[in-house]
Amino acid sequence: MSYFLLFFAAASAGIAATFLAYLLLNAAVRAFEQSAADDAAGANGETRKLPILFLLLGLFAWAFRSLAGHAVFAASREALNKSIRMAGLTDRFDGREFLAIRFSAMFLGAVLLVIAVAAGRPIYGLIFLLLLAAYPGVWLKGTIQRRHKSILRALPNVLDLLTLSVEAGKDFVSSLRDILSRRRLDPLGEELHTVFSEIQFGRTRAEALNAMASAVNLPELTGVLHAIVQSEELGVSIGQLLRIQGDMLRDKRFSEAERLANEAPVKIILPIVLFVLPAVLVVLAGPIFLMASRML
């Protein structure tokens, strides 16, 4: 009887492991297919790449969607919706799906913690749990920062083009349409496309620009958009205002570049002390110590 139970337990474990391997392989294939689709979309000008680990977590997030949709997490979903909009990922997921992905990461970390505790290495399991629990939020924050940097880098050039078009006699909407048709699609272009579409659908220019400022939540961009709205309300020349805003942003970008350049010598000291200086000391002092050891 004991042999039968042993055989039954081994067969059950083998079947479970086979199904688990099949599930993981299927998830990995789907993740790689999605990554290839992201690369194809990026070739057309849209940046929608997601990490492989994030895609894998998203594939298992269906089990936590009901939990993520609970009323207790309403505030978290609303905050995540704003962050996802700032990251330009509203076509990928909403706050509920992202919260489910976070729950799936925490569950995976808990499973690894149990395995590590069973193996007598609880510290490693705790580290994996903390890393997986923090990974989705850190990734989303990094995506927002990269998107903001891209918008801030492209904004002065777009303002210069708008200034030339407006001073040449075109109105703001026509100038925006011509510029968007000739620029490569980037994060700033995506936001301006949204503004142009909203204006075409009947929304006023002030409302569309204020909505863009609220969605992106970048202080430099918000200042420019509010200045454009105020120029329309006060009757100020928009061409002169765009030129001033472009010059201010360009000067700020140069100042930021100078600040980073001045910080470089200080930041390079630590790598030199940790990695370069020990190697130099070994090369210079090694032969001396060898000769001294032989003489003694």
Protein backbone atom coordinates (compact mmCIF):
# COMPACT_ATOMS: atom_id res chain seq x y z
CA MET A 1 0.00 0.00 0.00
CA SER A 2 2.86 2.37 0.81
CA TYR A 3 4.39 1.79 -2.64
CA PHE A 4 1.07 2.67 -4.26
CA LEU A 5 0.84 5.93 -2.30
CA LEU A 6 4.44 6.76 -3.16
CA PHE A 7 3.77 6.11 -6.85
CA PHE A 8 0.56 8.17 -6.74
CA ALA A 9 2.34 11.10 -5.06
CA ALA A 10 5.20 10.99 -7.58
CA ALA A 11 2.78 10.83 -10.52
CA SER A 12 0.75 13.75 -9.16
CA ALA A 13 3.87 15.83 -8.64
CA GLY A 14 5.03 15.03 -12.17
CA ILE A 15 1.68 16.00 -13.70
CA ALA A 16 1.60 19.22 -11.69
CA ALA A 17 5.14 20.10 -12.73
CA THR A 18 4.29 19.37 -16.38
CA PHE A 19 1.26 21.63 -16.32
CA LEU A 20 3.22 24.35 -14.54
CA ALA A 21 6.01 24.17 -17.12
CA TYR A 22 3.46 24.31 -19.94
CA LEU A 23 1.79 27.34 -18.38
CA LEU A 24 5.09 29.17 -17.91
CA LEU A 25 6.23 28.32 -21.46
CA ASN A 26 2.93 29.52 -22.91
CA ALA A 27 3.17 32.72 -20.92
CA ALA A 28 6.74 33.27 -22.06
CA VAL A 29 5.80 32.74 -25.72
CA ARG A 30 2.95 35.22 -25.45
CA ALA A 31 5.24 37.71 -23.73
CA PHE A 32 7.85 37.45 -26.47
CA GLU A 33 5.16 37.82 -29.13
CA GLN A 34 3.87 40.93 -27.38
CA SER A 35 7.42 42.27 -27.15
CA ALA A 36 7.87 41.73 -30.89
CA ALA A 37 4.63 43.60 -31.51
CA ASP A 38 5.95 46.43 -29.34
CA ASP A 39 9.12 46.58 -31.42
CA ALA A 40 7.08 46.74 -34.61
CA ALA A 41 4.99 49.56 -33.17
CA GLY A 42 8.13 51.36 -32.07
CA ALA A 43 9.44 51.20 -35.65
CA ASN A 44 6.39 53.21 -36.71
CA GLY A 45 7.19 55.92 -34.22
CA GLU A 46 5.24 54.80 -31.15
CA THR A 47 7.11 53.81 -28.01
CA ARG A 48 5.06 51.19 -26.20
CA LYS A 49 7.71 48.72 -25.07
CA LEU A 50 7.16 46.81 -21.88
CA PRO A 51 9.75 44.68 -20.04
CA ILE A 52 9.48 40.92 -20.37
CA LEU A 53 9.04 40.47 -16.62
CA PHE A 54 6.24 43.02 -16.64
CA LEU A 55 4.54 41.21 -19.50
CA LEU A 56 4.79 37.91 -17.64
CA LEU A 57 3.27 39.46 -14.53
CA GLY A 58 0.50 40.90 -16.67
CA LEU A 59 -0.34 37.47 -18.05
CA PHE A 60 -0.96 36.13 -14.53
CA ALA A 61 -2.76 39.25 -13.32
CA TRP A 62 -6.19 37.98 -14.36
CA ALA A 63 -6.46 36.07 -11.09
CA PHE A 64 -6.26 39.33 -9.11
CA ARG A 65 -8.51 41.60 -11.19
CA SER A 66 -11.55 41.04 -8.98
CA LEU A 67 -9.48 41.92 -5.91
CA ALA A 68 -8.06 45.00 -7.64
CA GLY A 69 -11.58 46.14 -8.51
CA HIS A 70 -12.72 46.19 -4.88
CA ALA A 71 -14.00 49.48 -3.49
CA VAL A 72 -11.21 49.52 -0.89
CA PHE A 73 -8.65 50.21 -3.64
CA ALA A 74 -10.66 52.99 -5.36
CA ALA A 75 -8.19 55.72 -4.33
CA SER A 76 -5.24 53.62 -5.46
CA ARG A 77 -6.87 52.96 -8.83
CA GLU A 78 -7.53 56.68 -9.33
CA ALA A 79 -3.93 57.58 -8.51
CA LEU A 80 -2.67 54.84 -10.82
CA ASN A 81 -4.92 56.09 -13.63
CA LYS A 82 -3.27 59.51 -13.38
CA SER A 83 0.21 58.00 -13.33
CA ILE A 84 -0.59 55.74 -16.30
CA ARG A 85 -1.87 58.77 -18.22
CA MET A 86 1.34 60.64 -17.42
CA ALA A 87 3.34 57.65 -18.68
CA GLY A 88 1.34 57.52 -21.93
CA LEU A 89 0.25 53.92 -21.35
CA THR A 90 -3.53 54.31 -21.35
CA ASP A 91 -3.75 52.05 -24.41
CA ARG A 92 -2.09 49.22 -22.45
CA PHE A 93 -3.83 49.08 -19.09
CA ASP A 94 -5.81 51.09 -16.56
CA GLY A 95 -5.45 51.46 -12.81
CA ARG A 96 -7.29 48.23 -12.08
CA GLU A 97 -5.11 46.13 -14.37
CA PHE A 98 -1.92 47.73 -13.09
CA LEU A 99 -3.00 47.07 -9.50
CA ALA A 100 -3.67 43.45 -10.44
CA ILE A 101 -0.16 43.25 -11.90
CA ARG A 102 1.22 44.59 -8.63
CA PHE A 103 -0.73 41.97 -6.69
CA SER A 104 0.59 39.22 -8.97
CA ALA A 105 4.14 40.43 -8.34
CA MET A 106 3.56 40.33 -4.59
CA PHE A 107 2.08 36.84 -4.84
CA LEU A 108 5.09 35.62 -6.81
CA GLY A 109 7.36 37.17 -4.23
CA ALA A 110 5.43 35.41 -1.44
CA VAL A 111 5.81 32.07 -3.24
CA LEU A 112 9.55 32.62 -3.56
CA LEU A 113 9.68 33.57 0.12
CA VAL A 114 8.01 30.30 1.11
CA ILE A 115 10.43 28.34 -1.08
CA ALA A 116 13.40 30.20 0.40
CA VAL A 117 12.19 29.60 3.95
CA ALA A 118 11.78 25.90 3.18
CA ALA A 119 15.31 25.86 1.81
CA GLY A 120 16.65 27.60 4.92
CA ARG A 121 17.41 30.93 3.17
CA PRO A 122 14.68 33.31 4.39
CA ILE A 123 16.77 36.43 3.76
CA TYR A 124 16.93 35.74 0.03
CA GLY A 125 13.19 35.14 -0.09
CA LEU A 126 12.53 38.40 1.72
CA ILE A 127 14.76 40.26 -0.73
CA PHE A 128 12.92 38.76 -3.70
CA LEU A 129 9.59 39.66 -2.12
CA LEU A 130 10.59 43.29 -1.60
CA LEU A 131 12.05 43.60 -5.10
CA LEU A 132 9.00 42.12 -6.82
CA ALA A 133 6.59 44.18 -4.72
CA ALA A 134 8.41 47.42 -5.57
CA TYR A 135 9.17 46.63 -9.22
CA PRO A 136 5.87 47.73 -10.89
CA GLY A 137 5.80 51.08 -9.08
CA VAL A 138 9.47 51.78 -9.75
CA TRP A 139 9.05 50.87 -13.42
CA LEU A 140 6.03 53.15 -13.81
CA LYS A 141 7.81 56.05 -12.11
CA GLY A 142 10.85 55.57 -14.36
CA THR A 143 8.62 55.51 -17.43
CA ILE A 144 7.04 58.82 -16.38
CA GLN A 145 10.45 60.40 -15.82
CA ARG A 146 11.73 59.28 -19.22
CA ARG A 147 8.60 60.58 -20.90
CA HIS A 148 8.92 63.94 -19.16
CA LYS A 149 12.55 64.23 -20.21
CA SER A 150 11.62 63.48 -23.82
CA ILE A 151 8.87 66.11 -23.77
CA LEU A 152 11.13 68.70 -22.18
CA ARG A 153 13.88 67.99 -24.70
CA ALA A 154 11.57 68.40 -27.71
CA LEU A 155 9.52 71.34 -26.43
CA PRO A 156 11.87 74.24 -27.38
CA ASN A 157 12.16 73.05 -30.99
CA VAL A 158 8.39 72.68 -31.31
CA LEU A 159 7.91 76.16 -29.90
CA ASP A 160 10.38 77.55 -32.45
CA LEU A 161 8.46 75.90 -35.30
CA LEU A 162 5.17 77.21 -33.93
CA THR A 163 6.67 80.69 -33.66
CA LEU A 164 7.82 80.69 -37.28
CA SER A 165 4.47 79.41 -38.51
CA VAL A 166 2.42 81.89 -36.48
CA GLU A 167 4.62 84.83 -37.45
CA ALA A 168 4.28 83.76 -41.09
CA GLY A 169 0.53 84.37 -40.87
CA LYS A 170 -0.97 81.01 -39.92
CA ASP A 171 -3.25 80.48 -36.97
CA PHE A 172 -2.28 78.28 -34.05
CA VAL A 173 -4.32 75.22 -35.05
CA SER A 174 -3.10 75.23 -38.67
CA SER A 175 0.49 75.64 -37.50
CA LEU A 176 0.09 72.77 -35.08
CA ARG A 177 -1.37 70.53 -37.78
CA ASP A 178 1.47 71.25 -40.23
CA ILE A 179 4.14 70.64 -37.59
CA LEU A 180 2.62 67.37 -36.44
CA SER A 181 2.40 66.09 -40.02
CA ARG A 182 6.15 66.59 -40.48
CA ARG A 183 7.52 65.50 -37.11
CA ARG A 184 8.43 62.03 -35.98
CA LEU A 185 5.92 60.77 -33.45
CA ASP A 186 7.35 61.19 -29.96
CA PRO A 187 5.74 61.72 -26.52
CA LEU A 188 5.26 65.45 -27.13
CA GLY A 189 3.83 64.72 -30.57
CA GLU A 190 1.37 62.24 -29.05
CA GLU A 191 0.12 64.83 -26.59
CA LEU A 192 -0.18 67.49 -29.29
CA HIS A 193 -2.03 65.03 -31.51
CA THR A 194 -4.50 64.55 -28.68
CA VAL A 195 -4.94 68.32 -28.36
CA PHE A 196 -5.46 68.71 -32.11
CA SER A 197 -8.02 65.89 -32.17
CA GLU A 198 -9.95 67.38 -29.26
CA ILE A 199 -10.05 70.78 -30.98
CA GLN A 200 -11.33 69.15 -34.15
CA PHE A 201 -14.08 67.43 -32.18
CA GLY A 202 -15.34 70.78 -30.91
CA ARG A 203 -13.43 71.40 -27.72
CA THR A 204 -12.06 74.89 -27.25
CA ARG A 205 -8.35 75.47 -27.51
CA ALA A 206 -8.11 76.58 -23.89
CA GLU A 207 -9.88 73.47 -22.64
CA ALA A 208 -7.72 71.14 -24.74
CA LEU A 209 -4.49 72.80 -23.62
CA ASN A 210 -5.53 72.83 -19.95
CA ALA A 211 -6.45 69.14 -20.21
CA MET A 212 -3.02 68.39 -21.68
CA ALA A 213 -1.29 70.30 -18.87
CA SER A 214 -3.29 68.42 -16.24
CA ALA A 215 -2.64 65.04 -17.85
CA VAL A 216 1.12 65.41 -18.40
CA ASN A 217 1.78 67.26 -15.12
CA LEU A 218 5.15 68.65 -16.20
CA PRO A 219 5.78 72.11 -14.69
CA GLU A 220 7.65 73.52 -17.69
CA LEU A 221 4.99 72.34 -20.12
CA THR A 222 2.21 73.56 -17.84
CA GLY A 223 3.73 77.04 -17.77
CA VAL A 224 3.91 77.19 -21.56
CA LEU A 225 0.35 75.95 -22.06
CA HIS A 226 -1.08 78.32 -19.47
CA ALA A 227 0.78 81.21 -21.10
CA ILE A 228 -0.75 80.30 -24.47
CA VAL A 229 -4.22 80.17 -22.92
CA GLN A 230 -3.73 83.53 -21.21
CA SER A 231 -2.46 85.12 -24.43
CA GLU A 232 -5.70 84.10 -26.12
CA GLU A 233 -7.77 85.53 -23.27
CA LEU A 234 -5.82 88.80 -23.04
CA GLY A 235 -5.26 89.30 -26.77
CA VAL A 236 -1.46 89.21 -26.54
CA SER A 237 0.57 88.32 -29.64
CA ILE A 238 1.04 84.57 -29.49
CA GLY A 239 4.07 84.61 -31.78
CA GLN A 240 6.09 86.82 -29.45
CA LEU A 241 4.96 84.79 -26.44
CA LEU A 242 6.02 81.50 -28.07
CA ARG A 243 9.42 82.97 -28.90
CA ILE A 244 9.96 84.07 -25.30
CA GLN A 245 8.87 80.71 -23.91
CA GLY A 246 11.14 78.86 -26.34
CA ASP A 247 14.15 80.98 -25.36
CA MET A 248 13.45 80.47 -21.67
CA LEU A 249 13.19 76.70 -22.02
CA ARG A 250 16.34 76.54 -24.13
CA ASP A 251 18.29 78.57 -21.56
CA LYS A 252 17.00 76.30 -18.82
CA ARG A 253 18.05 73.22 -20.78
CA PHE A 254 21.56 74.63 -21.26
CA SER A 255 21.76 75.47 -17.55
CA GLU A 256 20.75 71.92 -16.68
CA ALA A 257 23.39 70.55 -19.04
CA GLU A 258 26.05 72.75 -17.43
CA ARG A 259 24.97 71.61 -13.97
CA LEU A 260 25.27 67.96 -14.94
CA ALA A 261 28.65 68.59 -16.54
CA ASN A 262 29.90 70.26 -13.34
CA GLU A 263 28.68 67.30 -11.27
CA ALA A 264 30.53 64.77 -13.43
CA PRO A 265 33.99 65.20 -11.79
CA VAL A 266 32.47 64.66 -8.35
CA LYS A 267 30.46 61.61 -9.39
CA ILE A 268 33.45 59.96 -11.06
CA ILE A 269 35.54 60.03 -7.88
CA LEU A 270 33.81 57.02 -6.31
CA PRO A 271 34.27 54.67 -9.31
CA ILE A 272 37.90 55.73 -9.56
CA VAL A 273 38.55 55.04 -5.88
CA LEU A 274 36.72 51.69 -5.91
CA PHE A 275 37.81 50.23 -9.24
CA VAL A 276 40.64 52.14 -10.94
CA LEU A 277 42.85 53.01 -7.96
CA PRO A 278 43.09 49.44 -6.56
CA ALA A 279 44.10 48.11 -9.98
CA VAL A 280 46.78 50.81 -10.33
CA LEU A 281 48.10 50.03 -6.84
CA VAL A 282 48.28 46.32 -7.63
CA VAL A 283 50.18 46.98 -10.87
CA LEU A 284 52.62 49.41 -9.25
CA ALA A 285 53.07 47.90 -5.81
CA GLY A 286 52.75 44.22 -6.75
CA PRO A 287 56.28 43.78 -8.15
CA ILE A 288 57.73 45.67 -5.18
CA PHE A 289 56.03 43.34 -2.68
CA LEU A 290 57.18 40.28 -4.65
CA MET A 291 60.78 41.46 -4.69
CA ALA A 292 60.62 42.29 -0.99
CA SER A 293 59.19 38.88 -0.13
CA ARG A 294 61.94 37.14 -2.06
CA MET A 295 64.65 39.16 -0.34
CA LEU A 296 63.19 38.44 3.10
